Amino acid sequence: MKKYEQIASEILNEIGGKENVTFVAHCMTRLRFNLKDQSKVNQENIKKIEGVLGCQFSSGQFQVIIGQTVEHVYKEVCELGHFEMNKVIDDEPKVKQKLTLKGVGSNIMEALAGCIVPLIPLMMAASMFKMLVAVLGPTMLNILSETDDLYTLFTFVGDAGFYFFPIVLGYTASKKFNVTPVIGMFLGCIMMHPTFTSMAAAGTSFTIFGITCNVQNYASTLLPIILSIWVMSYVEAFFKSMLPQSLKTIFVPFLSIIVMLPISLCVLGPIGSIAGNYICDFLLGLDKIPYVGFLAVALIAAFWEFLVMSGMHVVFITSLVMVFAQAGQESLVSVGGCIASIAVAGMLIGSFFRIKDKDEKSLTLGYFIASIIGGVTEPGLYGNGIKFKRPFIGLIAGGFAGGLYAGIMHVTCYAMVPVASFIGLTAFAGGPTINMVHGVISCAIAFLTAAVVTYFVGYDKNNPVVNE
């Protein structure tokens, strides 16, 4: 049996078999399962599977951390389980659970993750083009002038990735909420139509079926279309249940859109847009709070990787997408996340020089390369940090020190960090050159502090791996 097929087979066996799976997807490093019965999962056995870095329940999902090869394992899981990729596998009604604040929050996070995570490749590609404009343009290397065709090309390609969010989110949200995807995209297209956006720019009054519409430009927004698709999932399901089979093909899409026009453009769109603006203003203003604002970046950088391990970072990613799409820059979460990823590399290099055991030393070097070059921190977090515990002291110290410097100097990211590697330093480009300098310095501080602290206090002197 092939390597990835073996891993996939063992994972399926330990989560209760393919019959226990209602949905399976993957992000950059994890398999994400929705399960009928979570009690059937044997986490201890899964952690022992060769090729698995860890596992956990988060946001209503069971997540298995694989690392860079997750796509290969995901493919084998789908083939063994006869699952269609990124499709809801079982539409049986879920068992009603007691309504709690924690449960509501978990469901919201799961829904946002299901809509946002599939967009990560798009955001990374768009951010890379925006990064090239910043680095090669007049503000840095001055290789390209603003009149060059290549400069113009990279600019509108980078902007396109964020500008048309309502359309691509119409697709991903439809997949998540079980709406016909092309109808979801159609609703996104309606919100982005030039006639509607030109009315928003001109402040033109407008009504929909006699209902006053607060016309807004929904380019680069997330919440309006996500809320709209969520509501449309109930609207479409209603018409599917009411209409005879012979009329569904024509009238379900038509009637669903007719009903959603006032709901989306008059109610949910403005509400989502206003909420998104408040979230953006809140995040952009945290580091500017008098006397203590600089600590926000330090705390994010110190504890970001623990959010990554818990899966809670998806909430921040959702906010980041809104901020970058609307403001084009961000000075808190993205800065802290970039610094934290470099601190992981520092923790690993400190461990590499401290560890004497040849096998562990070789593994740690592999974790370091995966982190600093490949941008995947989880092998190091689970294979080194979780395993030995005390190296996390170095990670926290490095992240806090680098984040403190970044907060004091008001370092800003002008693009979403493409990967959690040294390439992520390019996110500091796009503004004043001194911002790039301070960004690199903050990451250097994080790296060196994490390495030194890990080397000296990251291991008990009696630990066999640090003795000859």
Protein backbone atom coordinates (compact mmCIF):
# COMPACT_ATOMS: atom_id res chain seq x y z
CA MET A 1 0.00 0.00 0.00
CA LYS A 2 1.33 3.43 -0.92
CA LYS A 3 2.47 5.79 1.84
CA TYR A 4 -0.35 8.34 1.60
CA GLU A 5 -2.96 5.65 1.04
CA GLN A 6 -1.76 3.91 4.21
CA ILE A 7 -2.04 7.14 6.23
CA ALA A 8 -5.51 7.85 4.85
CA SER A 9 -6.70 4.30 5.55
CA GLU A 10 -5.52 4.37 9.16
CA ILE A 11 -7.08 7.79 9.79
CA LEU A 12 -10.45 6.66 8.42
CA ASN A 13 -10.36 3.55 10.60
CA GLU A 14 -9.65 5.58 13.74
CA ILE A 15 -12.42 8.16 13.17
CA GLY A 16 -15.16 5.55 12.94
CA GLY A 17 -14.92 4.69 9.26
CA LYS A 18 -16.17 6.48 6.18
CA GLU A 19 -19.77 6.04 7.38
CA ASN A 20 -19.05 8.45 10.25
CA VAL A 21 -17.93 11.28 7.92
CA THR A 22 -20.37 13.96 6.73
CA PHE A 23 -17.83 16.37 5.26
CA VAL A 24 -14.09 16.41 4.67
CA ALA A 25 -11.86 19.19 3.37
CA HIS A 26 -8.32 20.37 3.89
CA CYS A 27 -6.47 23.63 4.44
CA MET A 28 -2.72 24.18 4.03
CA THR A 29 -1.68 21.61 6.65
CA ARG A 30 -4.78 19.88 8.07
CA LEU A 31 -7.53 17.46 7.18
CA ARG A 32 -10.86 18.81 8.48
CA PHE A 33 -13.63 16.30 9.20
CA ASN A 34 -17.26 16.88 10.13
CA LEU A 35 -18.41 13.73 11.90
CA LYS A 36 -21.75 12.20 12.85
CA ASP A 37 -20.48 10.78 16.13
CA GLN A 38 -17.35 12.37 17.58
CA SER A 39 -17.13 9.76 20.35
CA LYS A 40 -15.93 7.20 17.80
CA VAL A 41 -12.64 9.06 17.30
CA ASN A 42 -9.54 7.50 18.84
CA GLN A 43 -7.19 10.47 19.11
CA GLU A 44 -4.35 8.58 20.78
CA ASN A 45 -4.13 6.03 17.96
CA ILE A 46 -4.31 8.78 15.33
CA LYS A 47 -1.38 10.61 16.93
CA LYS A 48 0.68 7.43 16.59
CA ILE A 49 0.11 7.13 12.83
CA GLU A 50 3.33 7.73 10.93
CA GLY A 51 2.94 10.96 8.97
CA VAL A 52 0.44 12.53 11.40
CA LEU A 53 1.75 15.48 13.43
CA GLY A 54 -1.23 15.81 15.75
CA CYS A 55 -5.01 16.02 15.96
CA GLN A 56 -7.71 17.95 17.80
CA PHE A 57 -11.34 19.00 17.89
CA SER A 58 -11.82 22.65 16.96
CA SER A 59 -14.76 24.76 15.76
CA GLY A 60 -17.01 21.72 15.55
CA GLN A 61 -14.56 19.84 13.34
CA PHE A 62 -12.03 17.09 13.91
CA GLN A 63 -8.70 18.25 12.52
CA VAL A 64 -5.77 15.99 11.68
CA ILE A 65 -2.48 17.85 11.23
CA ILE A 66 -0.48 16.39 8.33
CA GLY A 67 1.79 19.21 7.12
CA GLN A 68 2.89 19.96 3.57
CA THR A 69 1.67 16.63 2.17
CA VAL A 70 -1.92 17.12 3.33
CA GLU A 71 -3.22 17.43 -0.25
CA HIS A 72 -1.94 13.94 -1.12
CA VAL A 73 -3.48 12.39 2.00
CA TYR A 74 -6.75 14.24 1.36
CA LYS A 75 -6.92 12.79 -2.15
CA GLU A 76 -6.46 9.27 -0.80
CA VAL A 77 -9.08 9.85 1.91
CA CYS A 78 -11.58 10.88 -0.77
CA GLU A 79 -10.74 7.88 -2.94
CA LEU A 80 -10.92 5.36 -0.09
CA GLY A 81 -14.14 6.81 1.26
CA HIS A 82 -15.63 7.47 -2.19
CA PHE A 83 -16.08 11.12 -1.21
CA GLU A 84 -16.45 13.87 -3.78
CA MET A 85 -13.82 16.51 -3.01
CA ASN A 86 -15.15 19.50 -1.05
CA LYS A 87 -18.72 18.20 -1.21
CA VAL A 88 -21.08 17.52 1.67
CA ILE A 89 -21.08 13.74 1.88
CA ASP A 90 -24.19 13.20 3.95
CA ASP A 91 -27.25 15.42 4.10
CA GLU A 92 -28.92 13.66 7.03
CA PRO A 93 -30.34 16.13 9.56
CA LYS A 94 -27.99 16.78 12.45
CA VAL A 95 -29.01 15.82 15.97
CA LYS A 96 -30.37 18.87 17.75
CA GLN A 97 -27.94 20.09 20.36
CA LYS A 98 -28.60 22.31 23.33
CA LEU A 99 -28.25 25.97 22.40
CA THR A 100 -25.28 27.46 24.25
CA LEU A 101 -23.11 30.53 23.75
CA LYS A 102 -20.09 28.28 23.16
CA GLY A 103 -22.01 26.22 20.61
CA VAL A 104 -23.18 29.29 18.72
CA GLY A 105 -19.64 30.68 18.64
CA SER A 106 -18.29 27.34 17.47
CA ASN A 107 -20.85 27.16 14.66
CA ILE A 108 -20.06 30.70 13.52
CA MET A 109 -16.34 29.93 13.46
CA GLU A 110 -16.94 26.71 11.53
CA ALA A 111 -19.08 28.56 8.99
CA LEU A 112 -16.51 31.33 8.50
CA ALA A 113 -13.71 28.78 8.19
CA GLY A 114 -15.67 26.83 5.60
CA CYS A 115 -16.16 29.96 3.51
CA ILE A 116 -12.71 31.54 3.96
CA VAL A 117 -10.24 28.63 4.03
CA PRO A 118 -10.84 27.62 0.36
CA LEU A 119 -9.91 31.20 -0.60
CA ILE A 120 -6.43 31.04 0.92
CA PRO A 121 -4.67 30.06 -2.36
CA LEU A 122 -6.37 32.99 -4.12
CA MET A 123 -5.36 35.43 -1.36
CA MET A 124 -1.79 34.18 -1.35
CA ALA A 125 -1.48 34.54 -5.12
CA ALA A 126 -2.99 38.05 -5.09
CA SER A 127 -0.74 39.07 -2.20
CA MET A 128 2.34 37.88 -4.08
CA PHE A 129 1.46 40.13 -7.03
CA LYS A 130 0.89 43.08 -4.69
CA MET A 131 4.23 42.29 -3.05
CA LEU A 132 6.00 42.33 -6.44
CA VAL A 133 4.50 45.76 -7.17
CA ALA A 134 5.79 47.05 -3.84
CA VAL A 135 9.28 45.56 -4.16
CA LEU A 136 9.90 46.27 -7.85
CA GLY A 137 8.05 49.60 -7.95
CA PRO A 138 9.21 53.16 -7.27
CA THR A 139 8.90 52.86 -3.47
CA MET A 140 11.72 50.27 -3.20
CA LEU A 141 13.96 48.94 -6.00
CA ASN A 142 12.50 51.24 -8.68
CA ILE A 143 12.91 48.57 -11.35
CA LEU A 144 9.40 49.26 -12.63
CA SER A 145 7.89 52.71 -13.04
CA GLU A 146 4.18 53.41 -12.62
CA THR A 147 3.86 53.79 -16.40
CA ASP A 148 5.29 50.34 -17.22
CA ASP A 149 2.84 47.78 -18.53
CA LEU A 150 4.21 45.12 -16.18
CA TYR A 151 3.63 47.43 -13.20
CA THR A 152 0.05 48.02 -14.35
CA LEU A 153 -0.49 44.30 -14.97
CA PHE A 154 0.76 43.21 -11.54
CA THR A 155 -1.26 46.00 -9.89
CA PHE A 156 -4.64 45.08 -11.34
CA VAL A 157 -4.00 41.34 -11.01
CA GLY A 158 -3.22 41.77 -7.30
CA ASP A 159 -6.24 44.02 -6.78
CA ALA A 160 -8.54 41.64 -8.68
CA GLY A 161 -7.96 38.90 -6.12
CA PHE A 162 -9.55 41.05 -3.41
CA TYR A 163 -11.93 43.24 -5.45
CA PHE A 164 -14.15 40.38 -6.63
CA PHE A 165 -14.53 38.69 -3.25
CA PRO A 166 -18.37 38.74 -3.37
CA ILE A 167 -18.29 36.54 -6.48
CA VAL A 168 -15.73 33.96 -5.39
CA LEU A 169 -17.21 33.93 -1.88
CA GLY A 170 -20.57 33.35 -3.52
CA TYR A 171 -19.08 30.06 -4.68
CA THR A 172 -17.25 28.96 -1.50
CA ALA A 173 -20.12 30.02 0.79
CA SER A 174 -22.57 28.13 -1.43
CA LYS A 175 -20.47 24.98 -1.10
CA LYS A 176 -20.43 25.45 2.67
CA PHE A 177 -24.17 26.16 3.07
CA ASN A 178 -25.30 23.68 0.40
CA VAL A 179 -26.61 26.27 -2.08
CA THR A 180 -26.35 25.79 -5.85
CA PRO A 181 -22.86 27.30 -6.41
CA VAL A 182 -23.57 29.13 -9.67
CA ILE A 183 -26.62 30.79 -8.10
CA GLY A 184 -24.48 31.92 -5.20
CA MET A 185 -21.98 33.37 -7.66
CA PHE A 186 -24.85 35.03 -9.52
CA LEU A 187 -25.90 36.83 -6.34
CA GLY A 188 -22.29 37.98 -5.92
CA CYS A 189 -22.30 39.26 -9.50
CA ILE A 190 -25.48 41.22 -8.82
CA MET A 191 -23.81 42.94 -5.86
CA MET A 192 -20.81 43.78 -8.04
CA HIS A 193 -22.64 44.98 -11.16
CA PRO A 194 -21.25 48.29 -12.53
CA THR A 195 -24.71 49.90 -12.47
CA PHE A 196 -25.09 49.17 -8.77
CA THR A 197 -21.53 50.23 -7.87
CA SER A 198 -21.87 53.45 -9.90
CA MET A 199 -25.07 54.29 -7.99
CA ALA A 200 -23.15 53.76 -4.75
CA ALA A 201 -20.38 56.10 -5.92
CA ALA A 202 -22.87 58.76 -6.99
CA GLY A 203 -25.06 58.41 -3.89
CA THR A 204 -28.12 57.74 -6.05
CA SER A 205 -31.35 56.85 -4.23
CA PHE A 206 -32.81 53.48 -5.20
CA THR A 207 -35.67 51.18 -4.22
CA ILE A 208 -36.21 47.45 -4.63
CA PHE A 209 -39.89 46.49 -4.91
CA GLY A 210 -40.68 49.74 -3.13
CA ILE A 211 -38.19 49.10 -0.30
CA THR A 212 -35.55 51.80 0.15
CA CYS A 213 -32.08 50.45 -0.57
CA ASN A 214 -28.98 51.86 1.09
CA VAL A 215 -26.79 51.48 -2.02
CA GLN A 216 -23.18 50.52 -1.21
CA ASN A 217 -20.11 49.34 -3.04
CA TYR A 218 -19.56 45.72 -2.02
CA ALA A 219 -16.21 45.31 -3.75
CA SER A 220 -13.63 43.65 -1.46
CA THR A 221 -16.23 42.80 1.22
CA LEU A 222 -16.87 39.43 2.89
CA LEU A 223 -19.71 39.55 5.38
CA PRO A 224 -22.49 40.83 3.06
CA ILE A 225 -22.26 37.90 0.65
CA ILE A 226 -21.63 35.29 3.38
CA LEU A 227 -24.73 36.42 5.29
CA SER A 228 -26.74 36.50 2.06
CA ILE A 229 -25.73 32.99 1.00
CA TRP A 230 -26.53 31.68 4.48
CA VAL A 231 -30.06 33.07 4.27
CA MET A 232 -30.42 31.91 0.67
CA SER A 233 -29.68 28.35 1.78
CA TYR A 234 -33.06 28.36 3.55
CA VAL A 235 -34.83 30.20 0.73
CA GLU A 236 -33.60 27.79 -1.94
CA ALA A 237 -34.36 24.76 0.24
CA PHE A 238 -37.92 26.05 0.72
CA PHE A 239 -38.59 26.36 -3.01
CA LYS A 240 -36.99 22.98 -3.69
CA SER A 241 -39.38 21.37 -1.24
CA MET A 242 -42.47 23.21 -2.53
CA LEU A 243 -42.13 23.04 -6.31
CA PRO A 244 -42.73 19.90 -8.44
CA GLN A 245 -39.67 18.33 -10.00
CA SER A 246 -40.61 19.49 -13.51
CA LEU A 247 -40.50 23.17 -12.49
CA LYS A 248 -37.47 23.17 -10.17
CA THR A 249 -34.81 23.73 -12.82
CA ILE A 250 -36.29 27.05 -13.94
CA PHE A 251 -38.18 28.43 -10.99
CA VAL A 252 -36.02 27.52 -7.96
CA PRO A 253 -33.08 29.73 -9.11
CA PHE A 254 -35.41 32.50 -10.32
CA LEU A 255 -37.59 32.65 -7.21
CA SER A 256 -34.59 32.32 -4.88
CA ILE A 257 -32.95 35.38 -6.45
CA ILE A 258 -36.25 37.33 -6.50
CA VAL A 259 -36.66 36.78 -2.75
CA MET A 260 -32.98 37.49 -2.00
CA LEU A 261 -32.80 40.82 -3.86
CA PRO A 262 -34.43 42.95 -1.13
CA ILE A 263 -33.07 40.79 1.68
CA SER A 264 -29.51 40.98 0.40
CA LEU A 265 -29.33 44.50 -1.02
CA CYS A 266 -31.57 46.28 1.49
CA VAL A 267 -30.84 44.44 4.74
CA LEU A 268 -27.97 41.96 4.91
CA GLY A 269 -25.61 43.82 2.58
CA PRO A 270 -25.61 47.09 4.54
CA ILE A 271 -25.49 45.26 7.89
CA GLY A 272 -22.52 43.14 6.78
CA SER A 273 -20.74 46.13 5.32
CA ILE A 274 -21.15 48.20 8.48
CA ALA A 275 -20.03 45.30 10.70
CA GLY A 276 -17.00 44.74 8.47
CA ASN A 277 -16.04 48.41 8.69
CA TYR A 278 -16.25 48.35 12.48
CA ILE A 279 -14.08 45.22 12.64
CA CYS A 280 -11.50 46.81 10.33
CA ASP A 281 -11.44 50.08 12.28
CA PHE A 282 -11.10 48.15 15.55
CA LEU A 283 -8.12 46.09 14.36
CA LEU A 284 -6.41 49.04 12.69
CA GLY A 285 -6.78 51.12 15.84
CA LEU A 286 -5.62 48.64 18.49
CA ASP A 287 -1.92 49.41 18.14
CA LYS A 288 -2.64 53.15 18.40
CA ILE A 289 -4.14 53.00 21.91
CA PRO A 290 -2.11 55.44 24.05
CA TYR A 291 0.57 53.92 26.30
CA VAL A 292 -0.41 50.24 25.82
CA GLY A 293 -1.18 49.87 22.10
CA PHE A 294 2.30 48.57 21.27
CA LEU A 295 1.72 45.61 23.60
CA ALA A 296 -1.05 44.29 21.34
CA VAL A 297 1.42 43.26 18.63
CA ALA A 298 3.74 41.73 21.24
CA LEU A 299 0.97 39.57 22.70
CA ILE A 300 -0.25 38.45 19.28
CA ALA A 301 3.30 37.52 18.25
CA ALA A 302 3.91 35.67 21.54
CA PHE A 303 0.80 33.51 21.38
CA TRP A 304 -0.10 33.37 17.68
CA GLU A 305 1.25 29.87 17.11
CA PHE A 306 -0.90 28.52 19.94
CA LEU A 307 -3.91 29.94 18.11
CA VAL A 308 -2.68 28.15 14.97
CA MET A 309 -2.47 24.85 16.85
CA SER A 310 -5.98 25.30 18.23
CA GLY A 311 -7.41 26.38 14.87
CA MET A 312 -8.63 29.67 16.38
CA HIS A 313 -6.43 31.67 13.99
CA VAL A 314 -9.12 31.29 11.32
CA VAL A 315 -11.18 33.97 13.10
CA PHE A 316 -8.30 36.41 12.78
CA ILE A 317 -7.72 35.44 9.15
CA THR A 318 -11.32 36.35 8.39
CA SER A 319 -10.78 39.78 9.91
CA LEU A 320 -7.45 40.13 8.09
CA VAL A 321 -9.07 39.50 4.74
CA MET A 322 -11.58 42.28 5.38
CA VAL A 323 -8.90 44.71 6.54
CA PHE A 324 -6.58 44.13 3.57
CA ALA A 325 -9.43 44.14 1.09
CA GLN A 326 -10.73 47.48 2.38
CA ALA A 327 -7.67 49.28 3.78
CA GLY A 328 -4.75 47.64 1.94
CA GLN A 329 -2.68 47.47 5.13
CA GLU A 330 -2.77 46.13 8.69
CA SER A 331 -0.60 46.72 11.74
CA LEU A 332 -1.55 44.09 14.28
CA VAL A 333 -2.46 40.50 13.44
CA SER A 334 -0.46 40.10 10.23
CA VAL A 335 2.61 41.72 11.81
CA GLY A 336 2.34 39.53 14.90
CA GLY A 337 1.76 36.40 12.81
CA CYS A 338 4.79 37.07 10.62
CA ILE A 339 7.01 37.66 13.65
CA ALA A 340 5.65 34.54 15.38
CA SER A 341 6.46 32.32 12.38
CA ILE A 342 10.06 33.56 12.38
CA ALA A 343 10.20 32.94 16.15
CA VAL A 344 9.29 29.29 15.45
CA ALA A 345 12.34 29.04 13.19
CA GLY A 346 14.42 30.61 15.98
CA MET A 347 13.09 28.08 18.50
CA LEU A 348 14.02 25.24 16.15
CA ILE A 349 17.54 26.45 15.41
CA GLY A 350 18.11 26.92 19.14
CA SER A 351 16.91 23.35 19.67
CA PHE A 352 19.12 22.10 16.85
CA PHE A 353 22.28 23.43 18.48
CA ARG A 354 21.21 22.28 21.95
CA ILE A 355 20.15 18.73 21.07
CA LYS A 356 22.88 16.07 20.96
CA ASP A 357 20.80 13.02 20.05
CA LYS A 358 21.54 12.42 16.36
CA ASP A 359 18.04 11.34 15.36
CA GLU A 360 16.32 14.23 17.13
CA LYS A 361 18.90 16.64 15.79
CA SER A 362 18.22 15.48 12.23
CA LEU A 363 14.47 15.78 12.73
CA THR A 364 14.80 19.26 14.20
CA LEU A 365 16.88 20.41 11.24
CA GLY A 366 14.11 19.15 8.95
CA TYR A 367 11.52 21.06 10.98
CA PHE A 368 13.65 24.20 10.73
CA ILE A 369 13.98 23.93 6.94
CA ALA A 370 10.23 23.29 6.58
CA SER A 371 9.58 26.41 8.66
CA ILE A 372 12.08 28.94 7.31
CA ILE A 373 11.98 27.80 3.67
CA GLY A 374 8.67 26.03 3.19
CA GLY A 375 6.65 28.23 5.52
CA VAL A 376 5.11 25.29 7.43
CA THR A 377 5.51 25.73 11.19
CA GLU A 378 3.37 22.85 12.43
CA PRO A 379 5.99 20.07 12.09
CA GLY A 380 8.22 22.08 14.43
CA LEU A 381 5.37 23.02 16.77
CA TYR A 382 4.23 19.43 17.19
CA GLY A 383 7.47 17.52 16.60
CA ASN A 384 9.60 19.76 18.81
CA GLY A 385 7.49 22.16 20.87
CA ILE A 386 4.70 19.83 21.96
CA LYS A 387 7.10 16.93 22.36
CA PHE A 388 9.55 18.69 24.70
CA LYS A 389 7.28 21.49 26.02
CA ARG A 390 10.02 23.83 27.29
CA PRO A 391 11.12 25.07 23.84
CA PHE A 392 7.83 26.98 23.85
CA ILE A 393 9.44 29.31 26.40
CA GLY A 394 11.82 30.42 23.66
CA LEU A 395 8.99 30.76 21.15
CA ILE A 396 6.95 32.99 23.46
CA ALA A 397 9.99 35.08 24.45
CA GLY A 398 11.06 35.55 20.83
CA GLY A 399 7.58 36.44 19.64
CA PHE A 400 7.05 38.91 22.47
CA ALA A 401 10.44 40.62 21.99
CA GLY A 402 10.03 40.98 18.22
CA GLY A 403 6.40 42.05 18.57
CA LEU A 404 7.31 44.64 21.20
CA TYR A 405 9.80 46.27 18.86
CA ALA A 406 7.31 46.16 15.97
CA GLY A 407 4.60 47.69 18.14
CA ILE A 408 6.82 50.52 19.35
CA MET A 409 7.91 51.29 15.77
CA HIS A 410 4.34 50.91 14.38
CA VAL A 411 5.40 48.34 11.77
CA THR A 412 2.75 47.75 9.11
CA CYS A 413 2.06 44.92 6.64
CA TYR A 414 0.94 45.99 3.17
CA ALA A 415 0.03 42.51 1.92
CA MET A 416 -1.20 39.31 3.51
CA VAL A 417 1.82 37.23 4.46
CA PRO A 418 2.18 34.80 1.50
CA VAL A 419 3.75 32.02 3.58
CA ALA A 420 5.01 31.71 7.14
CA SER A 421 8.65 31.71 6.00
CA PHE A 422 11.36 34.30 5.39
CA ILE A 423 9.44 35.26 2.22
CA GLY A 424 6.81 36.70 4.55
CA LEU A 425 9.19 39.59 5.23
CA THR A 426 8.17 41.03 1.88
CA ALA A 427 4.77 41.85 3.42
CA PHE A 428 6.46 44.83 5.09
CA ALA A 429 7.18 46.33 1.66
CA GLY A 430 4.77 48.74 0.03
CA GLY A 431 5.04 51.71 2.36
CA PRO A 432 8.01 53.76 3.56
CA THR A 433 11.37 52.00 3.25
CA ILE A 434 11.96 52.47 6.99
CA ASN A 435 8.88 50.29 7.62
CA MET A 436 10.59 47.43 5.79
CA VAL A 437 13.74 48.01 7.83
CA HIS A 438 11.88 47.95 11.14
CA GLY A 439 9.91 44.89 10.02
CA VAL A 440 13.07 42.94 9.25
CA ILE A 441 14.66 44.06 12.54
CA SER A 442 11.60 42.93 14.53
CA CYS A 443 11.76 39.48 12.90
CA ALA A 444 15.53 39.27 13.51
CA ILE A 445 14.94 40.09 17.19
CA ALA A 446 12.28 37.38 17.37
CA PHE A 447 14.54 34.81 15.69
CA LEU A 448 17.62 35.50 17.82
CA THR A 449 15.71 35.79 21.10
CA ALA A 450 13.83 32.54 20.48
CA ALA A 451 17.06 30.75 19.53
CA VAL A 452 19.05 31.98 22.54
CA VAL A 453 16.28 31.42 25.10
CA THR A 454 15.53 27.95 23.70
CA TYR A 455 19.21 27.02 23.77
CA PHE A 456 19.72 28.03 27.38
CA VAL A 457 16.37 27.27 29.06
CA GLY A 458 14.43 25.20 26.51
CA TYR A 459 15.60 21.83 27.83
CA ASP A 460 16.12 20.29 31.21
CA LYS A 461 19.79 19.44 31.65
CA ASN A 462 18.84 15.86 32.54
CA ASN A 463 16.89 15.36 29.31
CA PRO A 464 18.59 12.51 27.38
CA VAL A 465 18.35 14.32 24.04
CA VAL A 466 20.68 17.13 25.20
CA ASN A 467 23.34 14.75 26.59
CA GLU A 468 25.92 12.88 24.58
